[in-house]
Amino acid sequence: MVIQELLEKYKIKDMVDWENINADLIITDPPFGIQFSGKPTNYHRNVKNVVDGYVEWKVSEYGWKTQQLLACVKKNLKPKWR
């Protein structure tokens, strides 16, 4: 719950909203299993555990979205970590 409290305190809904965070560390959870060729049941996703607002990206979006993520991380880390 600490993370949720911080998000609410600073009104951060998305990394796109970040500006001059000056962070020592940023932890992300980038997508995995791009173009997964196994059976969907191997993925083991339980719909009950998916957070509200989750949006599945199209495979064609992964490259661009990952570039956006890395650019956001770079501009919001302390200069010594860039």
C-alpha atoms as a PDB file:
ATOM      1  CA  MET A   1       0.000   0.000   0.000  1.00  0.00           C
ATOM      2  CA  VAL A   2       2.949   2.360   0.389  1.00  0.00           C
ATOM      3  CA  ILE A   3       3.283   2.632  -3.390  1.00  0.00           C
ATOM      4  CA  GLN A   4      -0.407   3.462  -3.793  1.00  0.00           C
ATOM      5  CA  GLU A   5      -0.117   6.136  -1.085  1.00  0.00           C
ATOM      6  CA  LEU A   6       2.854   7.724  -2.869  1.00  0.00           C
ATOM      7  CA  LEU A   7       1.048   7.674  -6.209  1.00  0.00           C
ATOM      8  CA  GLU A   8      -1.954   9.376  -4.645  1.00  0.00           C
ATOM      9  CA  LYS A   9       0.157  11.884  -2.687  1.00  0.00           C
ATOM     10  CA  TYR A  10       2.041  13.024  -5.774  1.00  0.00           C
ATOM     11  CA  LYS A  11      -0.915  12.496  -8.105  1.00  0.00           C
ATOM     12  CA  ILE A  12       1.161  10.336 -10.437  1.00  0.00           C
ATOM     13  CA  LYS A  13      -1.019   8.204 -12.669  1.00  0.00           C
ATOM     14  CA  ASP A  14       1.436   7.441 -15.413  1.00  0.00           C
ATOM     15  CA  MET A  15       5.147   7.851 -16.062  1.00  0.00           C
ATOM     16  CA  VAL A  16       4.225  10.310 -18.804  1.00  0.00           C
ATOM     17  CA  ASP A  17       3.222  12.648 -15.952  1.00  0.00           C
ATOM     18  CA  TRP A  18       6.729  12.537 -14.483  1.00  0.00           C
ATOM     19  CA  GLU A  19       8.726  15.738 -14.603  1.00  0.00           C
ATOM     20  CA  ASN A  20      11.982  16.456 -12.777  1.00  0.00           C
ATOM     21  CA  ILE A  21      11.628  13.486 -10.429  1.00  0.00           C
ATOM     22  CA  ASN A  22      15.430  13.367  -9.906  1.00  0.00           C
ATOM     23  CA  ALA A  23      15.301   9.726  -8.785  1.00  0.00           C
ATOM     24  CA  ASP A  24      18.124   7.542  -7.550  1.00  0.00           C
ATOM     25  CA  LEU A  25      16.278   4.430  -8.688  1.00  0.00           C
ATOM     26  CA  ILE A  26      13.318   3.654 -10.926  1.00  0.00           C
ATOM     27  CA  ILE A  27      11.839   0.160 -10.959  1.00  0.00           C
ATOM     28  CA  THR A  28       9.715  -0.864 -13.915  1.00  0.00           C
ATOM     29  CA  ASP A  29       7.945  -4.004 -15.023  1.00  0.00           C
ATOM     30  CA  PRO A  30       8.307  -4.032 -18.793  1.00  0.00           C
ATOM     31  CA  PRO A  31       6.348  -6.536 -20.864  1.00  0.00           C
ATOM     32  CA  PHE A  32       7.555 -10.048 -21.455  1.00  0.00           C
ATOM     33  CA  GLY A  33       6.486 -12.873 -23.728  1.00  0.00           C
ATOM     34  CA  ILE A  34       6.236 -10.652 -26.789  1.00  0.00           C
ATOM     35  CA  GLN A  35       4.829 -12.709 -29.656  1.00  0.00           C
ATOM     36  CA  PHE A  36       4.275 -15.560 -27.210  1.00  0.00           C
ATOM     37  CA  SER A  37       3.870 -18.703 -29.284  1.00  0.00           C
ATOM     38  CA  GLY A  38       2.725 -21.075 -26.534  1.00  0.00           C
ATOM     39  CA  LYS A  39      -0.797 -21.928 -25.581  1.00  0.00           C
ATOM     40  CA  PRO A  40      -2.672 -19.116 -23.816  1.00  0.00           C
ATOM     41  CA  THR A  41      -3.203 -21.440 -20.840  1.00  0.00           C
ATOM     42  CA  ASN A  42       0.579 -21.499 -20.317  1.00  0.00           C
ATOM     43  CA  TYR A  43       0.461 -17.800 -19.551  1.00  0.00           C
ATOM     44  CA  HIS A  44      -1.489 -18.489 -16.324  1.00  0.00           C
ATOM     45  CA  ARG A  45      -3.121 -15.061 -16.188  1.00  0.00           C
ATOM     46  CA  ASN A  46      -6.030 -15.005 -13.788  1.00  0.00           C
ATOM     47  CA  VAL A  47      -8.416 -12.264 -14.874  1.00  0.00           C
ATOM     48  CA  LYS A  48      -9.272 -11.589 -11.199  1.00  0.00           C
ATOM     49  CA  ASN A  49      -5.658 -10.505 -10.598  1.00  0.00           C
ATOM     50  CA  VAL A  50      -5.412  -8.016 -13.473  1.00  0.00           C
ATOM     51  CA  VAL A  51      -5.523  -4.441 -12.185  1.00  0.00           C
ATOM     52  CA  ASP A  52      -8.231  -2.051 -13.311  1.00  0.00           C
ATOM     53  CA  GLY A  53      -7.184   0.015 -16.284  1.00  0.00           C
ATOM     54  CA  TYR A  54      -4.730  -2.578 -17.613  1.00  0.00           C
ATOM     55  CA  VAL A  55      -4.394  -2.347 -21.372  1.00  0.00           C
ATOM     56  CA  GLU A  56      -2.765  -5.058 -23.466  1.00  0.00           C
ATOM     57  CA  TRP A  57      -0.426  -3.500 -26.036  1.00  0.00           C
ATOM     58  CA  LYS A  58      -0.342  -4.624 -29.635  1.00  0.00           C
ATOM     59  CA  VAL A  59       2.940  -6.304 -30.599  1.00  0.00           C
ATOM     60  CA  SER A  60       3.579  -3.446 -33.040  1.00  0.00           C
ATOM     61  CA  GLU A  61       3.516  -0.967 -30.112  1.00  0.00           C
ATOM     62  CA  TYR A  62       6.179  -2.614 -27.922  1.00  0.00           C
ATOM     63  CA  GLY A  63       9.202  -0.996 -29.576  1.00  0.00           C
ATOM     64  CA  TRP A  64       7.830   2.535 -29.393  1.00  0.00           C
ATOM     65  CA  LYS A  65       6.400   2.143 -25.884  1.00  0.00           C
ATOM     66  CA  THR A  66       9.719   0.739 -24.637  1.00  0.00           C
ATOM     67  CA  GLN A  67      11.581   3.695 -26.174  1.00  0.00           C
ATOM     68  CA  GLN A  68       9.174   6.066 -24.399  1.00  0.00           C
ATOM     69  CA  LEU A  69       9.760   4.234 -21.125  1.00  0.00           C
ATOM     70  CA  LEU A  70      13.547   4.434 -21.412  1.00  0.00           C
ATOM     71  CA  ALA A  71      13.453   8.126 -22.385  1.00  0.00           C
ATOM     72  CA  CYS A  72      11.245   8.889 -19.371  1.00  0.00           C
ATOM     73  CA  VAL A  73      13.546   6.952 -17.047  1.00  0.00           C
ATOM     74  CA  LYS A  74      16.617   8.724 -18.410  1.00  0.00           C
ATOM     75  CA  LYS A  75      15.217  12.234 -17.998  1.00  0.00           C
ATOM     76  CA  ASN A  76      13.980  11.532 -14.464  1.00  0.00           C
ATOM     77  CA  LEU A  77      17.078   9.896 -12.988  1.00  0.00           C
ATOM     78  CA  LYS A  78      19.622  11.988 -11.144  1.00  0.00           C
ATOM     79  CA  PRO A  79      22.313  13.174 -13.594  1.00  0.00           C
ATOM     80  CA  LYS A  80      24.945  10.912 -12.026  1.00  0.00           C
ATOM     81  CA  TRP A  81      22.852   7.834 -13.002  1.00  0.00           C
ATOM     82  CA  ARG A  82      22.017   8.831 -16.587  1.00  0.00           C
END
